[in-house]
Amino acid sequence: MLGIGKWKFYVDVFLFKGYITLDVTEKDGEYSFEPSLEGFNDDLNYEILDVKVKGNTLIGTARATLMPGNKVVVATLEFKDDCCYGVVDLPYYGRLNLGKGEKIG
């Protein structure tokens, strides 16, 4: 199972400064993500549309009401050993490099 577990990334951009935690799960061959933002207690109101596996990479698309116009967000997570490297393509912002995430669970 590719990348199953909880991953923590530190982000420092004008949109957000702090830790993003991403819980990657798999059930019956279907992958899913559950994101959380440190200090953000409101519901993120997102819907996972699709998650694809390409080698050691998961590519997920989601729709989030936090994004203006309820646009689609694309997250790419590449797993190498015990590390995860993440990039999120955000509408109106562009590419957000999550950098190297550490497995915390």
N, C-alpha and C. Protein backbone atom coordinates (compact mmCIF):
# COMPACT_ATOMS: atom_id res chain seq x y z
N MET A 1 0.85 -1.18 0.00
CA MET A 1 0.00 0.00 0.00
C MET A 1 0.89 1.24 0.00
N LEU A 2 0.69 2.08 -0.94
CA LEU A 2 1.53 3.24 -1.15
C LEU A 2 1.16 4.40 -0.22
N GLY A 3 2.09 4.80 0.63
CA GLY A 3 1.94 6.01 1.44
C GLY A 3 0.90 6.00 2.54
N ILE A 4 0.41 4.83 2.92
CA ILE A 4 -0.63 4.76 3.95
C ILE A 4 -0.08 5.31 5.26
N GLY A 5 -0.83 6.18 5.90
CA GLY A 5 -0.44 6.74 7.19
C GLY A 5 -0.65 8.23 7.24
N LYS A 6 -0.14 8.83 8.29
CA LYS A 6 -0.30 10.27 8.51
C LYS A 6 1.03 10.96 8.23
N TRP A 7 0.99 12.02 7.43
CA TRP A 7 2.16 12.77 7.00
C TRP A 7 2.03 14.22 7.43
N LYS A 8 3.15 14.82 7.82
CA LYS A 8 3.15 16.20 8.31
C LYS A 8 4.13 17.03 7.48
N PHE A 9 3.64 18.18 7.00
CA PHE A 9 4.43 19.10 6.18
C PHE A 9 4.41 20.48 6.82
N TYR A 10 5.54 21.19 6.76
CA TYR A 10 5.57 22.57 7.23
C TYR A 10 5.49 23.48 6.01
N VAL A 11 4.56 24.44 6.05
CA VAL A 11 4.34 25.36 4.94
C VAL A 11 4.46 26.78 5.46
N ASP A 12 5.14 27.63 4.69
CA ASP A 12 5.28 29.04 5.06
C ASP A 12 5.09 29.89 3.80
N VAL A 13 3.82 30.20 3.51
CA VAL A 13 3.46 31.05 2.37
C VAL A 13 2.43 32.06 2.86
N PHE A 14 2.14 33.05 2.04
CA PHE A 14 1.22 34.09 2.51
C PHE A 14 -0.18 33.55 2.78
N LEU A 15 -0.56 32.45 2.16
CA LEU A 15 -1.88 31.87 2.41
C LEU A 15 -1.97 31.18 3.76
N PHE A 16 -0.85 30.59 4.19
CA PHE A 16 -0.87 29.79 5.41
C PHE A 16 0.55 29.57 5.90
N LYS A 17 0.73 29.65 7.21
CA LYS A 17 2.01 29.36 7.83
C LYS A 17 1.75 28.39 8.98
N GLY A 18 2.31 27.20 8.87
CA GLY A 18 2.13 26.20 9.90
C GLY A 18 2.21 24.80 9.32
N TYR A 19 1.67 23.85 10.05
CA TYR A 19 1.74 22.46 9.64
C TYR A 19 0.45 22.01 8.96
N ILE A 20 0.63 21.30 7.88
CA ILE A 20 -0.46 20.62 7.19
C ILE A 20 -0.26 19.14 7.44
N THR A 21 -1.31 18.48 7.91
CA THR A 21 -1.27 17.05 8.13
C THR A 21 -2.17 16.39 7.11
N LEU A 22 -1.67 15.32 6.52
CA LEU A 22 -2.42 14.60 5.51
C LEU A 22 -2.48 13.13 5.89
N ASP A 23 -3.69 12.64 6.09
CA ASP A 23 -3.90 11.23 6.43
C ASP A 23 -4.26 10.50 5.13
N VAL A 24 -3.39 9.57 4.72
CA VAL A 24 -3.60 8.81 3.49
C VAL A 24 -4.12 7.43 3.88
N THR A 25 -5.28 7.08 3.33
CA THR A 25 -5.88 5.78 3.64
C THR A 25 -6.20 5.04 2.34
N GLU A 26 -6.41 3.74 2.51
CA GLU A 26 -6.78 2.90 1.37
C GLU A 26 -7.79 1.87 1.85
N LYS A 27 -8.84 1.69 1.06
CA LYS A 27 -9.84 0.68 1.37
C LYS A 27 -10.29 0.04 0.06
N ASP A 28 -10.13 -1.26 -0.02
CA ASP A 28 -10.53 -2.01 -1.22
C ASP A 28 -9.92 -1.44 -2.50
N GLY A 29 -8.65 -1.02 -2.41
CA GLY A 29 -7.95 -0.50 -3.59
C GLY A 29 -8.21 0.95 -3.91
N GLU A 30 -9.05 1.61 -3.13
CA GLU A 30 -9.36 3.03 -3.34
C GLU A 30 -8.62 3.87 -2.31
N TYR A 31 -7.83 4.84 -2.77
CA TYR A 31 -7.09 5.72 -1.87
C TYR A 31 -7.90 6.97 -1.56
N SER A 32 -7.63 7.55 -0.40
CA SER A 32 -8.27 8.79 -0.01
C SER A 32 -7.31 9.62 0.84
N PHE A 33 -7.54 10.92 0.88
CA PHE A 33 -6.75 11.86 1.68
C PHE A 33 -7.68 12.55 2.67
N GLU A 34 -7.16 12.82 3.85
CA GLU A 34 -7.89 13.65 4.80
C GLU A 34 -6.92 14.72 5.31
N PRO A 35 -7.05 15.95 4.81
CA PRO A 35 -6.14 17.02 5.22
C PRO A 35 -6.62 17.73 6.48
N SER A 36 -5.67 18.30 7.22
CA SER A 36 -6.00 19.20 8.32
C SER A 36 -4.92 20.27 8.39
N LEU A 37 -5.32 21.46 8.80
CA LEU A 37 -4.41 22.60 8.91
C LEU A 37 -4.29 22.98 10.37
N GLU A 38 -3.06 23.08 10.85
CA GLU A 38 -2.80 23.46 12.23
C GLU A 38 -3.46 24.80 12.54
N GLY A 39 -4.24 24.84 13.60
CA GLY A 39 -4.87 26.09 14.03
C GLY A 39 -6.15 26.44 13.29
N PHE A 40 -6.54 25.65 12.30
CA PHE A 40 -7.76 25.90 11.54
C PHE A 40 -8.79 24.90 12.01
N ASN A 41 -9.77 25.37 12.77
CA ASN A 41 -10.72 24.47 13.41
C ASN A 41 -12.03 24.31 12.65
N ASP A 42 -12.22 25.11 11.61
CA ASP A 42 -13.44 24.98 10.81
C ASP A 42 -13.35 23.74 9.92
N ASP A 43 -14.49 23.29 9.45
CA ASP A 43 -14.54 22.17 8.51
C ASP A 43 -13.93 22.62 7.18
N LEU A 44 -13.06 21.80 6.60
CA LEU A 44 -12.43 22.16 5.33
C LEU A 44 -13.39 22.01 4.15
N ASN A 45 -14.49 21.30 4.34
CA ASN A 45 -15.50 21.14 3.29
C ASN A 45 -14.88 20.81 1.94
N TYR A 46 -14.40 19.61 1.82
CA TYR A 46 -13.78 19.17 0.58
C TYR A 46 -14.41 17.85 0.14
N GLU A 47 -14.26 17.55 -1.14
CA GLU A 47 -14.74 16.29 -1.70
C GLU A 47 -13.61 15.72 -2.56
N ILE A 48 -13.18 14.52 -2.25
CA ILE A 48 -12.17 13.85 -3.08
C ILE A 48 -12.87 13.38 -4.35
N LEU A 49 -12.35 13.81 -5.49
CA LEU A 49 -12.95 13.43 -6.76
C LEU A 49 -12.29 12.19 -7.35
N ASP A 50 -10.97 12.09 -7.20
CA ASP A 50 -10.24 10.98 -7.81
C ASP A 50 -8.85 10.89 -7.20
N VAL A 51 -8.34 9.68 -7.07
CA VAL A 51 -6.95 9.45 -6.65
C VAL A 51 -6.39 8.38 -7.58
N LYS A 52 -5.27 8.71 -8.24
CA LYS A 52 -4.62 7.78 -9.15
C LYS A 52 -3.24 7.42 -8.61
N VAL A 53 -2.82 6.20 -8.90
CA VAL A 53 -1.49 5.73 -8.53
C VAL A 53 -0.65 5.64 -9.79
N LYS A 54 0.53 6.28 -9.76
CA LYS A 54 1.48 6.19 -10.87
C LYS A 54 2.84 5.90 -10.27
N GLY A 55 3.24 4.64 -10.29
CA GLY A 55 4.52 4.26 -9.68
C GLY A 55 4.49 4.49 -8.19
N ASN A 56 5.40 5.34 -7.69
CA ASN A 56 5.45 5.65 -6.25
C ASN A 56 4.79 7.00 -5.94
N THR A 57 3.83 7.39 -6.80
CA THR A 57 3.17 8.69 -6.66
C THR A 57 1.65 8.54 -6.62
N LEU A 58 1.03 9.29 -5.71
CA LEU A 58 -0.43 9.41 -5.68
C LEU A 58 -0.79 10.80 -6.21
N ILE A 59 -1.76 10.85 -7.11
CA ILE A 59 -2.24 12.12 -7.65
C ILE A 59 -3.72 12.21 -7.33
N GLY A 60 -4.07 13.15 -6.48
CA GLY A 60 -5.45 13.29 -6.05
C GLY A 60 -6.05 14.60 -6.50
N THR A 61 -7.31 14.55 -6.91
CA THR A 61 -8.04 15.76 -7.23
C THR A 61 -9.20 15.89 -6.25
N ALA A 62 -9.45 17.11 -5.84
CA ALA A 62 -10.51 17.38 -4.87
C ALA A 62 -11.14 18.73 -5.18
N ARG A 63 -12.32 18.90 -4.66
CA ARG A 63 -13.01 20.19 -4.76
C ARG A 63 -13.17 20.68 -3.33
N ALA A 64 -12.78 21.92 -3.08
CA ALA A 64 -12.84 22.47 -1.73
C ALA A 64 -13.59 23.81 -1.74
N THR A 65 -14.53 23.97 -0.82
CA THR A 65 -15.29 25.21 -0.77
C THR A 65 -14.45 26.38 -0.27
N LEU A 66 -13.27 26.08 0.32
CA LEU A 66 -12.38 27.18 0.72
C LEU A 66 -11.82 27.92 -0.48
N MET A 67 -11.77 27.24 -1.63
CA MET A 67 -11.24 27.85 -2.84
C MET A 67 -12.35 28.68 -3.50
N PRO A 68 -12.04 29.90 -3.91
CA PRO A 68 -13.04 30.72 -4.60
C PRO A 68 -13.59 29.99 -5.82
N GLY A 69 -14.89 30.01 -5.96
CA GLY A 69 -15.51 29.35 -7.09
C GLY A 69 -15.57 27.85 -6.98
N ASN A 70 -15.22 27.30 -5.81
CA ASN A 70 -15.28 25.86 -5.58
C ASN A 70 -14.48 25.09 -6.64
N LYS A 71 -13.30 25.60 -6.96
CA LYS A 71 -12.45 25.04 -8.02
C LYS A 71 -11.78 23.75 -7.58
N VAL A 72 -11.23 23.04 -8.55
CA VAL A 72 -10.55 21.77 -8.30
C VAL A 72 -9.11 22.01 -7.89
N VAL A 73 -8.68 21.26 -6.88
CA VAL A 73 -7.31 21.29 -6.36
C VAL A 73 -6.67 19.95 -6.72
N VAL A 74 -5.41 19.97 -7.15
CA VAL A 74 -4.70 18.74 -7.49
C VAL A 74 -3.48 18.60 -6.57
N ALA A 75 -3.39 17.47 -5.87
CA ALA A 75 -2.26 17.19 -4.99
C ALA A 75 -1.46 16.02 -5.56
N THR A 76 -0.14 16.18 -5.62
CA THR A 76 0.75 15.13 -6.08
C THR A 76 1.68 14.78 -4.94
N LEU A 77 1.66 13.52 -4.53
CA LEU A 77 2.49 13.05 -3.41
C LEU A 77 3.39 11.93 -3.90
N GLU A 78 4.69 12.17 -3.81
CA GLU A 78 5.67 11.17 -4.22
C GLU A 78 6.31 10.58 -2.97
N PHE A 79 6.30 9.26 -2.88
CA PHE A 79 6.81 8.56 -1.70
C PHE A 79 8.15 7.91 -2.01
N LYS A 80 9.14 8.20 -1.15
CA LYS A 80 10.47 7.61 -1.26
C LYS A 80 10.91 7.20 0.14
N ASP A 81 11.07 5.89 0.34
CA ASP A 81 11.45 5.36 1.64
C ASP A 81 10.45 5.83 2.70
N ASP A 82 10.93 6.55 3.72
CA ASP A 82 10.03 7.03 4.78
C ASP A 82 9.72 8.52 4.63
N CYS A 83 9.85 9.05 3.42
CA CYS A 83 9.59 10.47 3.16
C CYS A 83 8.49 10.62 2.11
N CYS A 84 7.84 11.75 2.14
CA CYS A 84 6.82 12.09 1.17
C CYS A 84 7.10 13.51 0.68
N TYR A 85 7.11 13.69 -0.62
CA TYR A 85 7.33 15.01 -1.21
C TYR A 85 6.02 15.43 -1.87
N GLY A 86 5.49 16.58 -1.47
CA GLY A 86 4.18 16.98 -1.95
C GLY A 86 4.16 18.30 -2.68
N VAL A 87 3.28 18.37 -3.67
CA VAL A 87 3.00 19.59 -4.41
C VAL A 87 1.49 19.69 -4.58
N VAL A 88 0.95 20.88 -4.38
CA VAL A 88 -0.49 21.09 -4.56
C VAL A 88 -0.67 22.22 -5.56
N ASP A 89 -1.46 21.97 -6.59
CA ASP A 89 -1.78 23.00 -7.57
C ASP A 89 -3.11 23.63 -7.17
N LEU A 90 -3.03 24.93 -6.82
CA LEU A 90 -4.19 25.67 -6.31
C LEU A 90 -4.67 26.69 -7.34
N PRO A 91 -5.96 26.73 -7.62
CA PRO A 91 -6.49 27.77 -8.51
C PRO A 91 -6.19 29.16 -7.94
N TYR A 92 -5.90 30.09 -8.80
CA TYR A 92 -5.64 31.49 -8.44
C TYR A 92 -4.33 31.70 -7.69
N TYR A 93 -3.66 30.64 -7.27
CA TYR A 93 -2.39 30.77 -6.55
C TYR A 93 -1.25 30.16 -7.35
N GLY A 94 -1.47 28.98 -7.85
CA GLY A 94 -0.43 28.27 -8.58
C GLY A 94 0.05 27.08 -7.79
N ARG A 95 1.31 26.77 -7.97
CA ARG A 95 1.89 25.57 -7.37
C ARG A 95 2.40 25.87 -5.97
N LEU A 96 1.92 25.09 -5.00
CA LEU A 96 2.35 25.19 -3.61
C LEU A 96 3.21 23.97 -3.32
N ASN A 97 4.49 24.21 -3.08
CA ASN A 97 5.42 23.12 -2.79
C ASN A 97 5.35 22.80 -1.30
N LEU A 98 4.85 21.61 -0.98
CA LEU A 98 4.79 21.19 0.42
C LEU A 98 6.15 20.73 0.93
N GLY A 99 7.06 20.45 0.03
CA GLY A 99 8.39 20.00 0.43
C GLY A 99 8.37 18.58 0.95
N LYS A 100 9.30 18.30 1.83
CA LYS A 100 9.47 16.95 2.37
C LYS A 100 8.62 16.77 3.62
N GLY A 101 7.72 15.80 3.56
CA GLY A 101 6.87 15.50 4.70
C GLY A 101 7.44 14.33 5.48
N GLU A 102 7.17 14.36 6.79
CA GLU A 102 7.61 13.25 7.63
C GLU A 102 6.42 12.43 8.06
N LYS A 103 6.63 11.12 8.15
CA LYS A 103 5.56 10.23 8.57
C LYS A 103 5.42 10.29 10.08
N ILE A 104 4.21 10.58 10.54
CA ILE A 104 3.98 10.71 11.99
C ILE A 104 2.98 9.69 12.51
N GLY A 105 2.52 8.84 11.65
CA GLY A 105 1.57 7.83 12.11
C GLY A 105 1.20 6.85 11.03
